Amino acid sequence: MPASRSRTERWRDSLAKIHERGGGLELTLDRGPNAQGGDLVWRVRLLDIGPDTLRVEHPGAMGMPFPVKQGARLIGILAVGQNRWMFHTRILAIAGQGSQATLEIETPSGVERCMRRTFDRIRTAAVNLPPVECWSLLDPATGRAAEIACRTQLLDLQDDDILGIGETGAHEPPLLPDVGNRYNAELANIGGGGVGLRFSKQQAPALDARRCFWLRLDLRPVVAAPVAVTARMAHTHLDSTQSVYAGMAFDFQHHPEHKTFVLEQIRRYFDLTQRRSAA
């Protein structure tokens, strides 16, 4: 029996090993087969394994919980080394508050291995990572004015959408800070105090050379325009697709009030996505 097939059939053993070493799972809202835009993935620690339920951390960022709801359908991702498996589940219960909050999710009846060429896709589900525009930020102090301009653009577009005159076409940044080269990435996950981005291997040398970046996270059409934020490189590594995974921490040193706005847009994504999925 091939090793990959054996591990798939013994996925409960892999889950137990993740729990023993204090590891986690990746989760995203199951938006259905015809949803537009990208899927926001979060990573949470696996706290307990029961016969019918898994207990995991409540998702959140920068000390604020994401507004997930009981009954919400989820897609889970189980990663062991270079291999990844996906499964369907749902939130059965939410317990605790604040940093102590946890989710009880349904233990899957089985998992399906993701093929390496289709890293986040199986026969019954797909995770489409949102695009991210990324610039090396030469002067972090100049990011403040550009973030304010992007905030104004986004709020104006949200107002238009409420009035029924909005559109979800391309939105160029109204103002750029003092930046260098531009790169394209995918938003691999969000949580804690920042994001994980996936870059093509060809862009890796440039990432090593610059430590501060200006990002535009594209969650359209749920959020009306890309969300701009300053971030600093924390770590990088090659993943199983030979792409470069870069962990970046949000930096609000020059624009502290922007933290609240970024969190509001993430919460907006979760609220609207769950409403549309339930409709």
C-alpha atoms as a PDB file:
ATOM      1  CA  MET A   1       0.000   0.000   0.000  1.00  0.00           C
ATOM      2  CA  PRO A   2       1.475   3.416  -0.930  1.00  0.00           C
ATOM      3  CA  ALA A   3       2.578   5.477   2.085  1.00  0.00           C
ATOM      4  CA  SER A   4       0.277   8.369   1.207  1.00  0.00           C
ATOM      5  CA  ARG A   5      -2.756   6.074   1.052  1.00  0.00           C
ATOM      6  CA  SER A   6      -1.795   4.446   4.347  1.00  0.00           C
ATOM      7  CA  ARG A   7      -1.543   7.836   6.069  1.00  0.00           C
ATOM      8  CA  THR A   8      -4.919   8.856   4.626  1.00  0.00           C
ATOM      9  CA  GLU A   9      -6.578   5.765   6.070  1.00  0.00           C
ATOM     10  CA  ARG A  10      -4.826   6.365   9.395  1.00  0.00           C
ATOM     11  CA  TRP A  11      -5.648  10.065   9.548  1.00  0.00           C
ATOM     12  CA  ARG A  12      -6.816   9.758  13.158  1.00  0.00           C
ATOM     13  CA  ASP A  13      -3.256   8.789  14.120  1.00  0.00           C
ATOM     14  CA  SER A  14      -1.953  11.915  12.381  1.00  0.00           C
ATOM     15  CA  LEU A  15      -4.543  13.988  14.218  1.00  0.00           C
ATOM     16  CA  ALA A  16      -3.431  12.500  17.550  1.00  0.00           C
ATOM     17  CA  LYS A  17       0.218  13.326  16.799  1.00  0.00           C
ATOM     18  CA  ILE A  18      -0.700  16.940  15.991  1.00  0.00           C
ATOM     19  CA  HIS A  19      -2.509  17.165  19.336  1.00  0.00           C
ATOM     20  CA  GLU A  20       0.378  15.595  21.252  1.00  0.00           C
ATOM     21  CA  ARG A  21       2.896  18.118  19.974  1.00  0.00           C
ATOM     22  CA  GLY A  22       0.586  21.119  20.492  1.00  0.00           C
ATOM     23  CA  GLY A  23      -0.022  21.653  16.784  1.00  0.00           C
ATOM     24  CA  GLY A  24      -3.048  22.977  14.975  1.00  0.00           C
ATOM     25  CA  LEU A  25      -5.477  22.795  12.088  1.00  0.00           C
ATOM     26  CA  GLU A  26      -6.358  25.271   9.375  1.00  0.00           C
ATOM     27  CA  LEU A  27     -10.024  26.170   8.964  1.00  0.00           C
ATOM     28  CA  THR A  28     -12.073  28.305   6.624  1.00  0.00           C
ATOM     29  CA  LEU A  29     -15.775  28.996   6.169  1.00  0.00           C
ATOM     30  CA  ASP A  30     -17.388  26.681   3.618  1.00  0.00           C
ATOM     31  CA  ARG A  31     -18.848  29.253   1.217  1.00  0.00           C
ATOM     32  CA  GLY A  32     -20.222  26.723  -1.258  1.00  0.00           C
ATOM     33  CA  PRO A  33     -19.164  25.745  -4.795  1.00  0.00           C
ATOM     34  CA  ASN A  34     -20.183  28.947  -6.608  1.00  0.00           C
ATOM     35  CA  ALA A  35     -18.863  31.598  -4.210  1.00  0.00           C
ATOM     36  CA  GLN A  36     -16.835  34.446  -5.670  1.00  0.00           C
ATOM     37  CA  GLY A  37     -13.610  35.809  -4.243  1.00  0.00           C
ATOM     38  CA  GLY A  38     -11.175  34.205  -1.847  1.00  0.00           C
ATOM     39  CA  ASP A  39     -11.391  32.071   1.284  1.00  0.00           C
ATOM     40  CA  LEU A  40      -9.953  33.496   4.495  1.00  0.00           C
ATOM     41  CA  VAL A  41      -8.052  30.694   6.241  1.00  0.00           C
ATOM     42  CA  TRP A  42      -7.165  30.785   9.934  1.00  0.00           C
ATOM     43  CA  ARG A  43      -4.889  28.493  11.943  1.00  0.00           C
ATOM     44  CA  VAL A  44      -5.920  27.301  15.428  1.00  0.00           C
ATOM     45  CA  ARG A  45      -4.417  24.963  18.008  1.00  0.00           C
ATOM     46  CA  LEU A  46      -6.018  21.547  18.420  1.00  0.00           C
ATOM     47  CA  LEU A  47      -6.916  21.348  22.120  1.00  0.00           C
ATOM     48  CA  ASP A  48      -8.721  18.019  22.489  1.00  0.00           C
ATOM     49  CA  ILE A  49      -9.933  15.041  20.461  1.00  0.00           C
ATOM     50  CA  GLY A  50     -13.198  13.301  21.296  1.00  0.00           C
ATOM     51  CA  PRO A  51     -15.074  10.504  19.523  1.00  0.00           C
ATOM     52  CA  ASP A  52     -17.490  12.916  17.857  1.00  0.00           C
ATOM     53  CA  THR A  53     -15.952  16.373  18.353  1.00  0.00           C
ATOM     54  CA  LEU A  54     -12.668  18.227  18.094  1.00  0.00           C
ATOM     55  CA  ARG A  55     -12.001  21.144  20.426  1.00  0.00           C
ATOM     56  CA  VAL A  56      -9.947  23.968  18.925  1.00  0.00           C
ATOM     57  CA  GLU A  57      -9.046  27.542  19.754  1.00  0.00           C
ATOM     58  CA  HIS A  58     -11.555  30.208  18.819  1.00  0.00           C
ATOM     59  CA  PRO A  59     -10.183  32.024  15.750  1.00  0.00           C
ATOM     60  CA  GLY A  60      -9.039  35.609  16.148  1.00  0.00           C
ATOM     61  CA  ALA A  61      -6.403  38.216  15.426  1.00  0.00           C
ATOM     62  CA  MET A  62      -4.649  40.807  17.568  1.00  0.00           C
ATOM     63  CA  GLY A  63      -6.578  39.764  20.652  1.00  0.00           C
ATOM     64  CA  MET A  64     -10.019  40.047  19.021  1.00  0.00           C
ATOM     65  CA  PRO A  65     -12.154  36.970  18.172  1.00  0.00           C
ATOM     66  CA  PHE A  66     -13.553  36.428  14.695  1.00  0.00           C
ATOM     67  CA  PRO A  67     -17.392  36.367  14.789  1.00  0.00           C
ATOM     68  CA  VAL A  68     -17.977  32.743  13.786  1.00  0.00           C
ATOM     69  CA  LYS A  69     -21.393  31.292  14.567  1.00  0.00           C
ATOM     70  CA  GLN A  70     -22.676  27.967  15.871  1.00  0.00           C
ATOM     71  CA  GLY A  71     -23.787  25.771  12.990  1.00  0.00           C
ATOM     72  CA  ALA A  72     -21.431  27.373  10.469  1.00  0.00           C
ATOM     73  CA  ARG A  73     -20.080  24.908   7.891  1.00  0.00           C
ATOM     74  CA  LEU A  74     -16.284  24.730   7.673  1.00  0.00           C
ATOM     75  CA  ILE A  75     -13.549  23.232   5.546  1.00  0.00           C
ATOM     76  CA  GLY A  76     -10.652  21.875   7.578  1.00  0.00           C
ATOM     77  CA  ILE A  77      -7.062  21.305   6.500  1.00  0.00           C
ATOM     78  CA  LEU A  78      -4.799  18.795   8.220  1.00  0.00           C
ATOM     79  CA  ALA A  79      -1.088  19.172   7.443  1.00  0.00           C
ATOM     80  CA  VAL A  80       1.651  16.661   8.312  1.00  0.00           C
ATOM     81  CA  GLY A  81       5.067  17.352   6.848  1.00  0.00           C
ATOM     82  CA  GLN A  82       4.748  17.763   3.094  1.00  0.00           C
ATOM     83  CA  ASN A  83       1.244  16.248   2.978  1.00  0.00           C
ATOM     84  CA  ARG A  84      -2.130  17.932   3.383  1.00  0.00           C
ATOM     85  CA  TRP A  85      -5.643  16.532   3.783  1.00  0.00           C
ATOM     86  CA  MET A  86      -8.999  18.331   3.692  1.00  0.00           C
ATOM     87  CA  PHE A  87     -12.362  17.554   5.269  1.00  0.00           C
ATOM     88  CA  HIS A  88     -15.824  18.996   5.857  1.00  0.00           C
ATOM     89  CA  THR A  89     -17.017  19.880   9.347  1.00  0.00           C
ATOM     90  CA  ARG A  90     -19.223  22.370  11.211  1.00  0.00           C
ATOM     91  CA  ILE A  91     -19.269  24.306  14.473  1.00  0.00           C
ATOM     92  CA  LEU A  92     -21.301  22.423  17.067  1.00  0.00           C
ATOM     93  CA  ALA A  93     -20.756  24.719  20.050  1.00  0.00           C
ATOM     94  CA  ILE A  94     -18.856  27.811  21.193  1.00  0.00           C
ATOM     95  CA  ALA A  95     -17.624  27.906  24.790  1.00  0.00           C
ATOM     96  CA  GLY A  96     -15.875  30.506  26.958  1.00  0.00           C
ATOM     97  CA  GLN A  97     -15.115  34.137  26.235  1.00  0.00           C
ATOM     98  CA  GLY A  98     -12.201  36.262  25.074  1.00  0.00           C
ATOM     99  CA  SER A  99      -8.836  34.544  24.936  1.00  0.00           C
ATOM    100  CA  GLN A 100     -10.337  31.485  26.668  1.00  0.00           C
ATOM    101  CA  ALA A 101     -13.025  30.871  24.027  1.00  0.00           C
ATOM    102  CA  THR A 102     -13.003  27.557  22.170  1.00  0.00           C
ATOM    103  CA  LEU A 103     -14.925  25.868  19.361  1.00  0.00           C
ATOM    104  CA  GLU A 104     -16.340  22.362  19.340  1.00  0.00           C
ATOM    105  CA  ILE A 105     -16.330  21.161  15.745  1.00  0.00           C
ATOM    106  CA  GLU A 106     -17.649  17.925  14.321  1.00  0.00           C
ATOM    107  CA  THR A 107     -15.106  15.145  13.923  1.00  0.00           C
ATOM    108  CA  PRO A 108     -15.021  14.272  10.211  1.00  0.00           C
ATOM    109  CA  SER A 109     -15.966  10.815   9.039  1.00  0.00           C
ATOM    110  CA  GLY A 110     -12.943  10.845   6.745  1.00  0.00           C
ATOM    111  CA  VAL A 111     -10.375  13.049   5.027  1.00  0.00           C
ATOM    112  CA  GLU A 112      -9.119  13.344   1.451  1.00  0.00           C
ATOM    113  CA  ARG A 113      -5.526  13.988   0.491  1.00  0.00           C
ATOM    114  CA  CYS A 114      -4.750  17.133  -1.492  1.00  0.00           C
ATOM    115  CA  MET A 115      -2.629  16.551  -4.557  1.00  0.00           C
ATOM    116  CA  ARG A 116       0.490  18.687  -4.593  1.00  0.00           C
ATOM    117  CA  ARG A 117      -0.385  20.351  -7.888  1.00  0.00           C
ATOM    118  CA  THR A 118      -3.745  21.398  -6.459  1.00  0.00           C
ATOM    119  CA  PHE A 119      -2.499  22.261  -2.984  1.00  0.00           C
ATOM    120  CA  ASP A 120      -5.882  23.258  -1.476  1.00  0.00           C
ATOM    121  CA  ARG A 121      -8.362  21.240  -3.527  1.00  0.00           C
ATOM    122  CA  ILE A 122     -10.129  17.891  -3.283  1.00  0.00           C
ATOM    123  CA  ARG A 123     -13.085  16.377  -5.150  1.00  0.00           C
ATOM    124  CA  THR A 124     -15.731  17.957  -2.901  1.00  0.00           C
ATOM    125  CA  ALA A 125     -14.110  21.220  -1.804  1.00  0.00           C
ATOM    126  CA  ALA A 126     -11.616  23.879  -2.804  1.00  0.00           C
ATOM    127  CA  VAL A 127      -9.912  26.678  -0.938  1.00  0.00           C
ATOM    128  CA  ASN A 128      -9.188  29.695  -3.128  1.00  0.00           C
ATOM    129  CA  LEU A 129      -6.611  31.900  -1.448  1.00  0.00           C
ATOM    130  CA  PRO A 130      -7.174  35.673  -1.763  1.00  0.00           C
ATOM    131  CA  PRO A 131      -4.605  37.653  -3.759  1.00  0.00           C
ATOM    132  CA  VAL A 132      -2.283  40.085  -2.006  1.00  0.00           C
ATOM    133  CA  GLU A 133      -0.292  42.950  -3.506  1.00  0.00           C
ATOM    134  CA  CYS A 134       2.983  43.457  -1.664  1.00  0.00           C
ATOM    135  CA  TRP A 135       5.559  46.231  -1.918  1.00  0.00           C
ATOM    136  CA  SER A 136       8.882  46.567  -0.132  1.00  0.00           C
ATOM    137  CA  LEU A 137       8.363  49.617   2.107  1.00  0.00           C
ATOM    138  CA  LEU A 138      11.357  51.937   1.999  1.00  0.00           C
ATOM    139  CA  ASP A 139      10.106  54.422   4.611  1.00  0.00           C
ATOM    140  CA  PRO A 140       7.558  52.926   7.046  1.00  0.00           C
ATOM    141  CA  ALA A 141       6.464  56.391   8.197  1.00  0.00           C
ATOM    142  CA  THR A 142       4.991  57.074   4.731  1.00  0.00           C
ATOM    143  CA  GLY A 143       2.615  54.114   5.073  1.00  0.00           C
ATOM    144  CA  ARG A 144       0.243  56.094   7.313  1.00  0.00           C
ATOM    145  CA  ALA A 145      -1.024  58.486   4.621  1.00  0.00           C
ATOM    146  CA  ALA A 146      -1.461  55.645   2.115  1.00  0.00           C
ATOM    147  CA  GLU A 147      -3.406  53.557   4.631  1.00  0.00           C
ATOM    148  CA  ILE A 148      -5.700  56.503   5.370  1.00  0.00           C
ATOM    149  CA  ALA A 149      -6.310  56.983   1.632  1.00  0.00           C
ATOM    150  CA  CYS A 150      -7.147  53.302   1.173  1.00  0.00           C
ATOM    151  CA  ARG A 151      -9.480  53.444   4.171  1.00  0.00           C
ATOM    152  CA  THR A 152     -11.332  56.396   2.637  1.00  0.00           C
ATOM    153  CA  GLN A 153     -11.625  54.560  -0.688  1.00  0.00           C
ATOM    154  CA  LEU A 154     -12.960  51.415   0.941  1.00  0.00           C
ATOM    155  CA  LEU A 155     -15.551  53.201   3.094  1.00  0.00           C
ATOM    156  CA  ASP A 156     -16.788  55.226   0.111  1.00  0.00           C
ATOM    157  CA  LEU A 157     -17.238  52.020  -1.872  1.00  0.00           C
ATOM    158  CA  GLN A 158     -19.072  50.377   1.033  1.00  0.00           C
ATOM    159  CA  ASP A 159     -21.458  53.339   1.160  1.00  0.00           C
ATOM    160  CA  ASP A 160     -22.081  53.004  -2.584  1.00  0.00           C
ATOM    161  CA  ASP A 161     -22.758  49.275  -2.133  1.00  0.00           C
ATOM    162  CA  ILE A 162     -25.354  49.982   0.569  1.00  0.00           C
ATOM    163  CA  LEU A 163     -27.037  52.414  -1.810  1.00  0.00           C
ATOM    164  CA  GLY A 164     -27.054  49.786  -4.551  1.00  0.00           C
ATOM    165  CA  ILE A 165     -24.613  51.578  -6.848  1.00  0.00           C
ATOM    166  CA  GLY A 166     -21.412  49.783  -5.876  1.00  0.00           C
ATOM    167  CA  GLU A 167     -19.162  47.795  -8.182  1.00  0.00           C
ATOM    168  CA  THR A 168     -16.430  45.246  -7.560  1.00  0.00           C
ATOM    169  CA  GLY A 169     -14.008  45.993 -10.385  1.00  0.00           C
ATOM    170  CA  ALA A 170     -10.312  46.721 -10.106  1.00  0.00           C
ATOM    171  CA  HIS A 171      -9.381  49.338  -7.529  1.00  0.00           C
ATOM    172  CA  GLU A 172      -5.892  50.795  -7.774  1.00  0.00           C
ATOM    173  CA  PRO A 173      -4.402  52.210  -4.561  1.00  0.00           C
ATOM    174  CA  PRO A 174      -5.300  55.917  -4.382  1.00  0.00           C
ATOM    175  CA  LEU A 175      -1.894  56.664  -2.870  1.00  0.00           C
ATOM    176  CA  LEU A 176       1.338  54.704  -2.543  1.00  0.00           C
ATOM    177  CA  PRO A 177       3.871  55.182   0.258  1.00  0.00           C
ATOM    178  CA  ASP A 178       7.610  55.293  -0.414  1.00  0.00           C
ATOM    179  CA  VAL A 179       7.944  51.800  -1.858  1.00  0.00           C
ATOM    180  CA  GLY A 180      10.285  49.689  -3.912  1.00  0.00           C
ATOM    181  CA  ASN A 181       9.498  46.573  -5.919  1.00  0.00           C
ATOM    182  CA  ARG A 182       6.017  45.098  -6.090  1.00  0.00           C
ATOM    183  CA  TYR A 183       5.272  41.375  -5.653  1.00  0.00           C
ATOM    184  CA  ASN A 184       2.144  39.258  -5.955  1.00  0.00           C
ATOM    185  CA  ALA A 185       1.247  36.719  -3.300  1.00  0.00           C
ATOM    186  CA  GLU A 186      -1.637  34.678  -1.892  1.00  0.00           C
ATOM    187  CA  LEU A 187      -3.084  35.066   1.595  1.00  0.00           C
ATOM    188  CA  ALA A 188      -2.330  31.626   3.061  1.00  0.00           C
ATOM    189  CA  ASN A 189      -3.737  32.333   6.535  1.00  0.00           C
ATOM    190  CA  ILE A 190      -4.527  35.056   9.050  1.00  0.00           C
ATOM    191  CA  GLY A 191      -4.436  35.118  12.830  1.00  0.00           C
ATOM    192  CA  GLY A 192      -2.465  36.138  15.876  1.00  0.00           C
ATOM    193  CA  GLY A 193      -0.883  39.437  14.947  1.00  0.00           C
ATOM    194  CA  GLY A 194      -0.416  39.081  11.221  1.00  0.00           C
ATOM    195  CA  VAL A 195      -0.690  36.973   8.084  1.00  0.00           C
ATOM    196  CA  GLY A 196       0.995  34.151   6.249  1.00  0.00           C
ATOM    197  CA  LEU A 197       1.654  34.846   2.572  1.00  0.00           C
ATOM    198  CA  ARG A 198       2.565  32.411  -0.196  1.00  0.00           C
ATOM    199  CA  PHE A 199       4.964  33.689  -2.872  1.00  0.00           C
ATOM    200  CA  SER A 200       6.342  32.002  -5.943  1.00  0.00           C
ATOM    201  CA  LYS A 201       9.858  30.663  -5.448  1.00  0.00           C
ATOM    202  CA  GLN A 202      11.251  33.179  -7.944  1.00  0.00           C
ATOM    203  CA  GLN A 203      10.545  36.075  -5.578  1.00  0.00           C
ATOM    204  CA  ALA A 204      12.339  34.570  -2.574  1.00  0.00           C
ATOM    205  CA  PRO A 205      15.641  36.503  -2.895  1.00  0.00           C
ATOM    206  CA  ALA A 206      13.833  39.847  -2.797  1.00  0.00           C
ATOM    207  CA  LEU A 207      11.943  38.800   0.327  1.00  0.00           C
ATOM    208  CA  ASP A 208      15.196  38.115   2.144  1.00  0.00           C
ATOM    209  CA  ALA A 209      16.492  41.570   1.263  1.00  0.00           C
ATOM    210  CA  ARG A 210      13.585  43.645   2.650  1.00  0.00           C
ATOM    211  CA  ARG A 211      12.110  43.401   6.130  1.00  0.00           C
ATOM    212  CA  CYS A 212       9.200  45.883   5.988  1.00  0.00           C
ATOM    213  CA  PHE A 213       6.312  45.685   3.513  1.00  0.00           C
ATOM    214  CA  TRP A 214       3.123  47.438   2.528  1.00  0.00           C
ATOM    215  CA  LEU A 215       0.308  44.972   1.816  1.00  0.00           C
ATOM    216  CA  ARG A 216      -3.094  45.165   0.152  1.00  0.00           C
ATOM    217  CA  LEU A 217      -5.259  42.184   1.181  1.00  0.00           C
ATOM    218  CA  ASP A 218      -7.942  41.580  -1.448  1.00  0.00           C
ATOM    219  CA  LEU A 219     -11.132  40.164   0.107  1.00  0.00           C
ATOM    220  CA  ARG A 220     -13.447  41.364  -2.658  1.00  0.00           C
ATOM    221  CA  PRO A 221     -16.339  41.103  -3.306  1.00  0.00           C
ATOM    222  CA  VAL A 222     -17.159  40.630   0.400  1.00  0.00           C
ATOM    223  CA  VAL A 223     -15.036  43.640   1.388  1.00  0.00           C
ATOM    224  CA  ALA A 224     -15.442  46.420  -1.172  1.00  0.00           C
ATOM    225  CA  ALA A 225     -11.721  47.162  -1.801  1.00  0.00           C
ATOM    226  CA  PRO A 226      -8.333  45.789  -0.740  1.00  0.00           C
ATOM    227  CA  VAL A 227      -7.335  46.441   2.879  1.00  0.00           C
ATOM    228  CA  ALA A 228      -3.943  48.149   3.157  1.00  0.00           C
ATOM    229  CA  VAL A 229      -1.634  47.508   6.103  1.00  0.00           C
ATOM    230  CA  THR A 230       2.059  47.734   6.992  1.00  0.00           C
ATOM    231  CA  ALA A 231       3.775  44.487   8.003  1.00  0.00           C
ATOM    232  CA  ARG A 232       7.220  43.225   8.946  1.00  0.00           C
ATOM    233  CA  MET A 233       8.788  39.960   7.897  1.00  0.00           C
ATOM    234  CA  ALA A 234       8.935  37.429  10.734  1.00  0.00           C
ATOM    235  CA  HIS A 235      10.074  34.190   9.049  1.00  0.00           C
ATOM    236  CA  THR A 236      10.117  32.329   5.736  1.00  0.00           C
ATOM    237  CA  HIS A 237      10.298  28.723   4.581  1.00  0.00           C
ATOM    238  CA  LEU A 238       9.677  26.606   1.495  1.00  0.00           C
ATOM    239  CA  ASP A 239       6.377  24.707   1.540  1.00  0.00           C
ATOM    240  CA  SER A 240       5.503  21.432  -0.173  1.00  0.00           C
ATOM    241  CA  THR A 241       4.715  23.187  -3.477  1.00  0.00           C
ATOM    242  CA  GLN A 242       8.199  24.766  -3.477  1.00  0.00           C
ATOM    243  CA  SER A 243       6.550  28.128  -2.936  1.00  0.00           C
ATOM    244  CA  VAL A 244       7.887  30.515  -0.297  1.00  0.00           C
ATOM    245  CA  TYR A 245       5.740  30.886   2.800  1.00  0.00           C
ATOM    246  CA  ALA A 246       6.339  34.202   4.570  1.00  0.00           C
ATOM    247  CA  GLY A 247       5.005  34.950   8.032  1.00  0.00           C
ATOM    248  CA  MET A 248       4.444  38.686   8.473  1.00  0.00           C
ATOM    249  CA  ALA A 249       3.486  40.620  11.612  1.00  0.00           C
ATOM    250  CA  PHE A 250       1.243  43.682  11.298  1.00  0.00           C
ATOM    251  CA  ASP A 251       2.998  46.933  12.239  1.00  0.00           C
ATOM    252  CA  PHE A 252       0.879  49.825  13.534  1.00  0.00           C
ATOM    253  CA  GLN A 253       3.769  51.785  15.029  1.00  0.00           C
ATOM    254  CA  HIS A 254       3.222  54.800  12.747  1.00  0.00           C
ATOM    255  CA  HIS A 255      -0.585  54.474  12.573  1.00  0.00           C
ATOM    256  CA  PRO A 256      -1.995  52.923  15.814  1.00  0.00           C
ATOM    257  CA  GLU A 257      -5.643  53.736  15.040  1.00  0.00           C
ATOM    258  CA  HIS A 258      -5.440  51.686  11.836  1.00  0.00           C
ATOM    259  CA  LYS A 259      -5.495  48.475  13.892  1.00  0.00           C
ATOM    260  CA  THR A 260      -9.184  48.931  14.714  1.00  0.00           C
ATOM    261  CA  PHE A 261     -10.054  49.521  11.067  1.00  0.00           C
ATOM    262  CA  VAL A 262      -8.231  46.375   9.877  1.00  0.00           C
ATOM    263  CA  LEU A 263     -10.016  44.290  12.512  1.00  0.00           C
ATOM    264  CA  GLU A 264     -13.375  45.773  11.483  1.00  0.00           C
ATOM    265  CA  GLN A 265     -12.839  44.669   7.885  1.00  0.00           C
ATOM    266  CA  ILE A 266     -11.894  41.131   8.944  1.00  0.00           C
ATOM    267  CA  ARG A 267     -15.012  40.970  11.105  1.00  0.00           C
ATOM    268  CA  ARG A 268     -17.049  42.299   8.198  1.00  0.00           C
ATOM    269  CA  TYR A 269     -15.738  39.461   6.013  1.00  0.00           C
ATOM    270  CA  PHE A 270     -16.822  36.838   8.548  1.00  0.00           C
ATOM    271  CA  ASP A 271     -20.225  38.409   9.174  1.00  0.00           C
ATOM    272  CA  LEU A 272     -21.180  38.805   5.516  1.00  0.00           C
ATOM    273  CA  THR A 273     -19.746  35.446   4.435  1.00  0.00           C
ATOM    274  CA  GLN A 274     -21.786  33.554   7.031  1.00  0.00           C
ATOM    275  CA  ARG A 275     -24.951  35.451   6.168  1.00  0.00           C
ATOM    276  CA  ARG A 276     -24.570  34.697   2.456  1.00  0.00           C
ATOM    277  CA  SER A 277     -23.708  31.043   3.097  1.00  0.00           C
ATOM    278  CA  ALA A 278     -26.858  30.643   5.209  1.00  0.00           C
ATOM    279  CA  ALA A 279     -29.125  32.353   2.662  1.00  0.00           C
END
